[in-house]
Amino acid sequence: MWSVSIDIGLKKGVLDAQGKAIHQALLSLGFTDVKEVRVGKLIELKLEGETKEKIDKQVKDMCEKLLANPVIEDYRFKIEEQ
Protein backbone atom coordinates (compact mmCIF):
# COMPACT_ATOMS: atom_id res chain seq x y z
CA MET A 1 0.00 0.00 0.00
CA TRP A 2 1.25 3.47 -0.89
CA SER A 3 0.28 6.88 0.45
CA VAL A 4 0.47 9.79 -2.00
CA SER A 5 0.17 13.51 -1.21
CA ILE A 6 -0.33 15.75 -4.25
CA ASP A 7 0.15 19.52 -3.90
CA ILE A 8 -1.40 21.55 -6.74
CA GLY A 9 -1.08 25.31 -7.17
CA LEU A 10 -1.28 27.99 -9.80
CA LYS A 11 1.84 28.61 -11.85
CA LYS A 12 3.83 31.76 -11.13
CA GLY A 13 2.42 34.61 -13.15
CA VAL A 14 -1.15 33.27 -13.09
CA LEU A 15 -3.45 35.60 -11.17
CA ASP A 16 -4.62 33.96 -7.95
CA ALA A 17 -7.88 35.81 -7.26
CA GLN A 18 -8.70 33.70 -4.21
CA GLY A 19 -5.24 34.27 -2.78
CA LYS A 20 -5.57 38.01 -3.40
CA ALA A 21 -8.93 38.11 -1.59
CA ILE A 22 -7.51 36.20 1.39
CA HIS A 23 -4.49 38.50 1.45
CA GLN A 24 -6.68 41.59 1.56
CA ALA A 25 -8.82 40.06 4.33
CA LEU A 26 -5.76 39.22 6.39
CA LEU A 27 -4.43 42.77 5.99
CA SER A 28 -7.79 44.20 7.07
CA LEU A 29 -7.66 41.99 10.17
CA GLY A 30 -4.30 43.49 11.10
CA PHE A 31 -1.96 40.78 9.82
CA THR A 32 0.25 43.33 8.09
CA ASP A 33 3.32 41.08 7.88
CA VAL A 34 1.62 38.90 5.24
CA LYS A 35 3.09 39.87 1.88
CA GLU A 36 1.55 37.29 -0.48
CA VAL A 37 -1.03 34.50 -0.39
CA ARG A 38 -1.30 31.70 -2.92
CA VAL A 39 -4.11 29.16 -2.67
CA GLY A 40 -3.77 25.59 -3.85
CA LYS A 41 -5.19 22.19 -3.15
CA LEU A 42 -3.92 19.07 -1.44
CA ILE A 43 -5.09 15.65 -2.59
CA GLU A 44 -4.25 12.52 -0.63
CA LEU A 45 -4.51 9.05 -2.15
CA LYS A 46 -4.02 5.48 -0.97
CA LEU A 47 -2.92 3.17 -3.78
CA GLU A 48 -1.99 -0.45 -4.18
CA GLY A 49 0.87 -1.21 -6.49
CA GLU A 50 3.97 -3.32 -6.79
CA THR A 51 6.65 -0.65 -7.19
CA LYS A 52 7.19 3.00 -6.45
CA GLU A 53 7.99 3.56 -10.13
CA LYS A 54 4.57 2.21 -11.15
CA ILE A 55 2.83 4.44 -8.61
CA ASP A 56 4.87 7.43 -9.78
CA LYS A 57 3.74 6.90 -13.37
CA GLN A 58 0.09 6.44 -12.35
CA VAL A 59 0.08 9.61 -10.23
CA LYS A 60 1.66 11.65 -13.05
CA ASP A 61 -1.04 10.37 -15.42
CA MET A 62 -3.79 11.22 -12.90
CA CYS A 63 -2.45 14.74 -12.49
CA GLU A 64 -2.08 15.36 -16.21
CA LYS A 65 -5.49 13.90 -17.13
CA LEU A 66 -7.72 15.02 -14.27
CA LEU A 67 -6.36 16.38 -11.02
CA ALA A 68 -4.40 19.40 -12.30
CA ASN A 69 -4.75 21.74 -15.24
CA PRO A 70 -1.19 21.68 -16.64
CA VAL A 71 -1.80 24.89 -18.60
CA ILE A 72 -2.16 27.02 -15.45
CA GLU A 73 -1.21 24.74 -12.55
CA ASP A 74 1.96 23.10 -11.28
CA TYR A 75 1.91 19.99 -9.15
CA ARG A 76 4.30 17.97 -7.06
CA PHE A 77 3.73 14.83 -5.11
CA LYS A 78 5.28 12.64 -2.46
CA ILE A 79 4.95 8.87 -2.35
CA GLU A 80 5.43 6.91 0.86
CA GLU A 81 5.14 3.19 1.42
CA GLN A 82 2.67 2.18 4.12
C-alpha atoms as a PDB file:
ATOM      1  CA  MET A   1       0.000   0.000   0.000  1.00  0.00           C
ATOM      2  CA  TRP A   2       1.250   3.473  -0.886  1.00  0.00           C
ATOM      3  CA  SER A   3       0.284   6.878   0.450  1.00  0.00           C
ATOM      4  CA  VAL A   4       0.470   9.790  -1.998  1.00  0.00           C
ATOM      5  CA  SER A   5       0.174  13.507  -1.212  1.00  0.00           C
ATOM      6  CA  ILE A   6      -0.335  15.747  -4.249  1.00  0.00           C
ATOM      7  CA  ASP A   7       0.147  19.516  -3.901  1.00  0.00           C
ATOM      8  CA  ILE A   8      -1.396  21.552  -6.740  1.00  0.00           C
ATOM      9  CA  GLY A   9      -1.079  25.309  -7.167  1.00  0.00           C
ATOM     10  CA  LEU A  10      -1.275  27.989  -9.803  1.00  0.00           C
ATOM     11  CA  LYS A  11       1.845  28.614 -11.851  1.00  0.00           C
ATOM     12  CA  LYS A  12       3.829  31.759 -11.129  1.00  0.00           C
ATOM     13  CA  GLY A  13       2.425  34.613 -13.154  1.00  0.00           C
ATOM     14  CA  VAL A  14      -1.146  33.274 -13.088  1.00  0.00           C
ATOM     15  CA  LEU A  15      -3.450  35.596 -11.166  1.00  0.00           C
ATOM     16  CA  ASP A  16      -4.622  33.957  -7.952  1.00  0.00           C
ATOM     17  CA  ALA A  17      -7.884  35.810  -7.259  1.00  0.00           C
ATOM     18  CA  GLN A  18      -8.701  33.703  -4.211  1.00  0.00           C
ATOM     19  CA  GLY A  19      -5.236  34.269  -2.778  1.00  0.00           C
ATOM     20  CA  LYS A  20      -5.568  38.007  -3.399  1.00  0.00           C
ATOM     21  CA  ALA A  21      -8.934  38.108  -1.587  1.00  0.00           C
ATOM     22  CA  ILE A  22      -7.511  36.199   1.390  1.00  0.00           C
ATOM     23  CA  HIS A  23      -4.487  38.496   1.454  1.00  0.00           C
ATOM     24  CA  GLN A  24      -6.679  41.592   1.557  1.00  0.00           C
ATOM     25  CA  ALA A  25      -8.820  40.065   4.329  1.00  0.00           C
ATOM     26  CA  LEU A  26      -5.757  39.216   6.393  1.00  0.00           C
ATOM     27  CA  LEU A  27      -4.433  42.766   5.990  1.00  0.00           C
ATOM     28  CA  SER A  28      -7.785  44.199   7.074  1.00  0.00           C
ATOM     29  CA  LEU A  29      -7.660  41.989  10.173  1.00  0.00           C
ATOM     30  CA  GLY A  30      -4.298  43.488  11.104  1.00  0.00           C
ATOM     31  CA  PHE A  31      -1.962  40.782   9.824  1.00  0.00           C
ATOM     32  CA  THR A  32       0.252  43.327   8.088  1.00  0.00           C
ATOM     33  CA  ASP A  33       3.318  41.084   7.877  1.00  0.00           C
ATOM     34  CA  VAL A  34       1.624  38.897   5.243  1.00  0.00           C
ATOM     35  CA  LYS A  35       3.094  39.869   1.876  1.00  0.00           C
ATOM     36  CA  GLU A  36       1.548  37.292  -0.477  1.00  0.00           C
ATOM     37  CA  VAL A  37      -1.030  34.502  -0.386  1.00  0.00           C
ATOM     38  CA  ARG A  38      -1.298  31.698  -2.921  1.00  0.00           C
ATOM     39  CA  VAL A  39      -4.108  29.165  -2.674  1.00  0.00           C
ATOM     40  CA  GLY A  40      -3.775  25.586  -3.855  1.00  0.00           C
ATOM     41  CA  LYS A  41      -5.188  22.191  -3.152  1.00  0.00           C
ATOM     42  CA  LEU A  42      -3.925  19.067  -1.443  1.00  0.00           C
ATOM     43  CA  ILE A  43      -5.089  15.652  -2.589  1.00  0.00           C
ATOM     44  CA  GLU A  44      -4.248  12.517  -0.633  1.00  0.00           C
ATOM     45  CA  LEU A  45      -4.513   9.052  -2.153  1.00  0.00           C
ATOM     46  CA  LYS A  46      -4.016   5.481  -0.968  1.00  0.00           C
ATOM     47  CA  LEU A  47      -2.924   3.165  -3.784  1.00  0.00           C
ATOM     48  CA  GLU A  48      -1.988  -0.445  -4.185  1.00  0.00           C
ATOM     49  CA  GLY A  49       0.869  -1.210  -6.492  1.00  0.00           C
ATOM     50  CA  GLU A  50       3.973  -3.317  -6.792  1.00  0.00           C
ATOM     51  CA  THR A  51       6.647  -0.651  -7.194  1.00  0.00           C
ATOM     52  CA  LYS A  52       7.189   3.003  -6.451  1.00  0.00           C
ATOM     53  CA  GLU A  53       7.993   3.559 -10.127  1.00  0.00           C
ATOM     54  CA  LYS A  54       4.567   2.214 -11.151  1.00  0.00           C
ATOM     55  CA  ILE A  55       2.828   4.436  -8.607  1.00  0.00           C
ATOM     56  CA  ASP A  56       4.874   7.432  -9.780  1.00  0.00           C
ATOM     57  CA  LYS A  57       3.736   6.904 -13.375  1.00  0.00           C
ATOM     58  CA  GLN A  58       0.092   6.443 -12.348  1.00  0.00           C
ATOM     59  CA  VAL A  59       0.076   9.607 -10.234  1.00  0.00           C
ATOM     60  CA  LYS A  60       1.660  11.646 -13.050  1.00  0.00           C
ATOM     61  CA  ASP A  61      -1.043  10.368 -15.415  1.00  0.00           C
ATOM     62  CA  MET A  62      -3.787  11.222 -12.900  1.00  0.00           C
ATOM     63  CA  CYS A  63      -2.454  14.742 -12.488  1.00  0.00           C
ATOM     64  CA  GLU A  64      -2.083  15.362 -16.214  1.00  0.00           C
ATOM     65  CA  LYS A  65      -5.486  13.895 -17.135  1.00  0.00           C
ATOM     66  CA  LEU A  66      -7.723  15.019 -14.269  1.00  0.00           C
ATOM     67  CA  LEU A  67      -6.356  16.379 -11.017  1.00  0.00           C
ATOM     68  CA  ALA A  68      -4.395  19.396 -12.304  1.00  0.00           C
ATOM     69  CA  ASN A  69      -4.751  21.742 -15.245  1.00  0.00           C
ATOM     70  CA  PRO A  70      -1.188  21.680 -16.638  1.00  0.00           C
ATOM     71  CA  VAL A  71      -1.801  24.891 -18.597  1.00  0.00           C
ATOM     72  CA  ILE A  72      -2.165  27.019 -15.448  1.00  0.00           C
ATOM     73  CA  GLU A  73      -1.212  24.742 -12.548  1.00  0.00           C
ATOM     74  CA  ASP A  74       1.958  23.102 -11.284  1.00  0.00           C
ATOM     75  CA  TYR A  75       1.912  19.992  -9.150  1.00  0.00           C
ATOM     76  CA  ARG A  76       4.299  17.975  -7.065  1.00  0.00           C
ATOM     77  CA  PHE A  77       3.726  14.826  -5.105  1.00  0.00           C
ATOM     78  CA  LYS A  78       5.281  12.638  -2.457  1.00  0.00           C
ATOM     79  CA  ILE A  79       4.946   8.866  -2.352  1.00  0.00           C
ATOM     80  CA  GLU A  80       5.428   6.911   0.859  1.00  0.00           C
ATOM     81  CA  GLU A  81       5.144   3.189   1.415  1.00  0.00           C
ATOM     82  CA  GLN A  82       2.668   2.176   4.123  1.00  0.00           C
END
